[in-house]
């Protein structure tokens, strides 16, 4: 289950569709955090400015944070792992 609250995320400026589901992810190369919209394939890069996003259609592209060619997105599955700057979007449990 996603840690990101769809209502909070979209209310703050995330733009999804009715089927959008948002996952908090960490990059395997540099450990940067982002939110992935699994339906529209957008990758939100900045928790303070949700207009900073890219289309994540080609996962073979370089990391948008550090430029590494060898990387992948790893789902963050625990609320204790949510970084402070993304906590506003997480479900409260």
C-alpha atoms as a PDB file:
ATOM      1  CA  UNK A   1       0.000   0.000   0.000  1.00  0.00           C
ATOM      2  CA  UNK A   2       1.186   3.482  -0.832  1.00  0.00           C
ATOM      3  CA  UNK A   3       2.300   5.815   1.939  1.00  0.00           C
ATOM      4  CA  UNK A   4       1.199   8.869  -0.055  1.00  0.00           C
ATOM      5  CA  UNK A   5      -2.297  10.232   0.593  1.00  0.00           C
ATOM      6  CA  UNK A   6      -3.872  10.916  -2.813  1.00  0.00           C
ATOM      7  CA  UNK A   7      -6.118  13.699  -1.492  1.00  0.00           C
ATOM      8  CA  UNK A   8      -3.301  15.559   0.288  1.00  0.00           C
ATOM      9  CA  UNK A   9      -0.969  15.169  -2.667  1.00  0.00           C
ATOM     10  CA  UNK A  10      -3.430  16.440  -5.258  1.00  0.00           C
ATOM     11  CA  UNK A  11      -4.720  19.203  -2.977  1.00  0.00           C
ATOM     12  CA  UNK A  12      -1.147  20.546  -2.735  1.00  0.00           C
ATOM     13  CA  UNK A  13      -0.712  20.624  -6.515  1.00  0.00           C
ATOM     14  CA  UNK A  14      -0.045  17.081  -7.690  1.00  0.00           C
ATOM     15  CA  UNK A  15      -1.900  16.521 -10.919  1.00  0.00           C
ATOM     16  CA  UNK A  16      -3.121  12.999 -11.448  1.00  0.00           C
ATOM     17  CA  UNK A  17      -6.196  11.315 -12.807  1.00  0.00           C
ATOM     18  CA  UNK A  18      -8.939   9.331 -11.122  1.00  0.00           C
ATOM     19  CA  UNK A  19      -6.802   6.158 -11.349  1.00  0.00           C
ATOM     20  CA  UNK A  20      -3.562   7.742 -10.152  1.00  0.00           C
ATOM     21  CA  UNK A  21      -1.817   6.050  -7.279  1.00  0.00           C
ATOM     22  CA  UNK A  22       1.254   7.699  -5.789  1.00  0.00           C
ATOM     23  CA  UNK A  23       4.250   5.837  -4.419  1.00  0.00           C
ATOM     24  CA  UNK A  24       7.074   7.356  -2.441  1.00  0.00           C
ATOM     25  CA  UNK A  25      10.330   6.083  -3.916  1.00  0.00           C
ATOM     26  CA  UNK A  26      14.045   6.340  -3.303  1.00  0.00           C
ATOM     27  CA  UNK A  27      16.666   6.118  -6.028  1.00  0.00           C
ATOM     28  CA  UNK A  28      19.126   3.245  -5.700  1.00  0.00           C
ATOM     29  CA  UNK A  29      22.074   5.357  -6.865  1.00  0.00           C
ATOM     30  CA  UNK A  30      22.008   8.549  -4.784  1.00  0.00           C
ATOM     31  CA  UNK A  31      19.184   7.905  -2.304  1.00  0.00           C
ATOM     32  CA  UNK A  32      17.058  10.847  -3.483  1.00  0.00           C
ATOM     33  CA  UNK A  33      13.317  10.702  -2.780  1.00  0.00           C
ATOM     34  CA  UNK A  34      10.522  11.305  -5.259  1.00  0.00           C
ATOM     35  CA  UNK A  35       6.880  10.402  -5.804  1.00  0.00           C
ATOM     36  CA  UNK A  36       5.849   8.191  -8.713  1.00  0.00           C
ATOM     37  CA  UNK A  37       2.373   8.393 -10.268  1.00  0.00           C
ATOM     38  CA  UNK A  38       1.835   4.806 -11.409  1.00  0.00           C
ATOM     39  CA  UNK A  39      -1.009   5.695 -13.771  1.00  0.00           C
ATOM     40  CA  UNK A  40       0.355   8.734 -15.640  1.00  0.00           C
ATOM     41  CA  UNK A  41       4.005   7.677 -15.220  1.00  0.00           C
ATOM     42  CA  UNK A  42       5.060  11.042 -13.797  1.00  0.00           C
ATOM     43  CA  UNK A  43       7.916  11.393 -11.341  1.00  0.00           C
ATOM     44  CA  UNK A  44       7.577  14.297  -8.890  1.00  0.00           C
ATOM     45  CA  UNK A  45      11.023  15.490  -7.912  1.00  0.00           C
ATOM     46  CA  UNK A  46      10.502  18.340  -5.433  1.00  0.00           C
ATOM     47  CA  UNK A  47       8.181  18.112  -2.393  1.00  0.00           C
ATOM     48  CA  UNK A  48       8.028  21.915  -2.167  1.00  0.00           C
ATOM     49  CA  UNK A  49       7.129  22.419  -5.844  1.00  0.00           C
ATOM     50  CA  UNK A  50       5.019  19.710  -7.479  1.00  0.00           C
ATOM     51  CA  UNK A  51       5.319  21.403 -10.864  1.00  0.00           C
ATOM     52  CA  UNK A  52       8.846  19.953 -10.970  1.00  0.00           C
ATOM     53  CA  UNK A  53       8.098  16.591 -12.510  1.00  0.00           C
ATOM     54  CA  UNK A  54       9.219  14.484 -15.434  1.00  0.00           C
ATOM     55  CA  UNK A  55       7.613  11.749 -17.493  1.00  0.00           C
ATOM     56  CA  UNK A  56       9.019   8.444 -16.302  1.00  0.00           C
ATOM     57  CA  UNK A  57       8.300   6.439 -19.426  1.00  0.00           C
ATOM     58  CA  UNK A  58      11.834   5.198 -20.003  1.00  0.00           C
ATOM     59  CA  UNK A  59      13.373   3.817 -16.803  1.00  0.00           C
ATOM     60  CA  UNK A  60      16.622   3.262 -18.725  1.00  0.00           C
ATOM     61  CA  UNK A  61      17.171   7.037 -18.786  1.00  0.00           C
ATOM     62  CA  UNK A  62      19.669   8.519 -16.364  1.00  0.00           C
ATOM     63  CA  UNK A  63      18.744   9.401 -12.782  1.00  0.00           C
ATOM     64  CA  UNK A  64      17.091  12.837 -12.715  1.00  0.00           C
ATOM     65  CA  UNK A  65      18.968  13.710  -9.515  1.00  0.00           C
ATOM     66  CA  UNK A  66      22.571  12.552 -10.017  1.00  0.00           C
ATOM     67  CA  UNK A  67      22.715  11.451 -13.664  1.00  0.00           C
ATOM     68  CA  UNK A  68      23.736   7.862 -12.938  1.00  0.00           C
ATOM     69  CA  UNK A  69      23.043   5.407 -15.750  1.00  0.00           C
ATOM     70  CA  UNK A  70      22.743   2.444 -13.326  1.00  0.00           C
ATOM     71  CA  UNK A  71      19.766   3.073 -11.076  1.00  0.00           C
ATOM     72  CA  UNK A  72      16.223   2.078 -10.231  1.00  0.00           C
ATOM     73  CA  UNK A  73      13.348   3.270  -8.082  1.00  0.00           C
ATOM     74  CA  UNK A  74      12.850   1.489  -4.769  1.00  0.00           C
ATOM     75  CA  UNK A  75       9.471   1.792  -3.045  1.00  0.00           C
ATOM     76  CA  UNK A  76       9.530   3.223   0.466  1.00  0.00           C
ATOM     77  CA  UNK A  77       7.258   0.981   2.529  1.00  0.00           C
ATOM     78  CA  UNK A  78       7.546   2.297   6.081  1.00  0.00           C
ATOM     79  CA  UNK A  79       6.343   5.590   7.541  1.00  0.00           C
ATOM     80  CA  UNK A  80       9.546   5.741   9.569  1.00  0.00           C
ATOM     81  CA  UNK A  81      11.503   6.019   6.294  1.00  0.00           C
ATOM     82  CA  UNK A  82       9.549   9.012   4.966  1.00  0.00           C
ATOM     83  CA  UNK A  83      11.920  12.003   4.862  1.00  0.00           C
ATOM     84  CA  UNK A  84      10.837  15.186   6.623  1.00  0.00           C
ATOM     85  CA  UNK A  85      10.244  17.126   3.411  1.00  0.00           C
ATOM     86  CA  UNK A  86       7.732  14.536   2.125  1.00  0.00           C
ATOM     87  CA  UNK A  87       5.897  13.928   5.450  1.00  0.00           C
ATOM     88  CA  UNK A  88       3.151  16.414   4.548  1.00  0.00           C
ATOM     89  CA  UNK A  89       1.978  13.986   1.821  1.00  0.00           C
ATOM     90  CA  UNK A  90       2.028  10.791   3.871  1.00  0.00           C
ATOM     91  CA  UNK A  91      -0.986   9.130   5.425  1.00  0.00           C
ATOM     92  CA  UNK A  92      -1.324   9.738   9.132  1.00  0.00           C
ATOM     93  CA  UNK A  93      -1.333   6.448  10.992  1.00  0.00           C
END
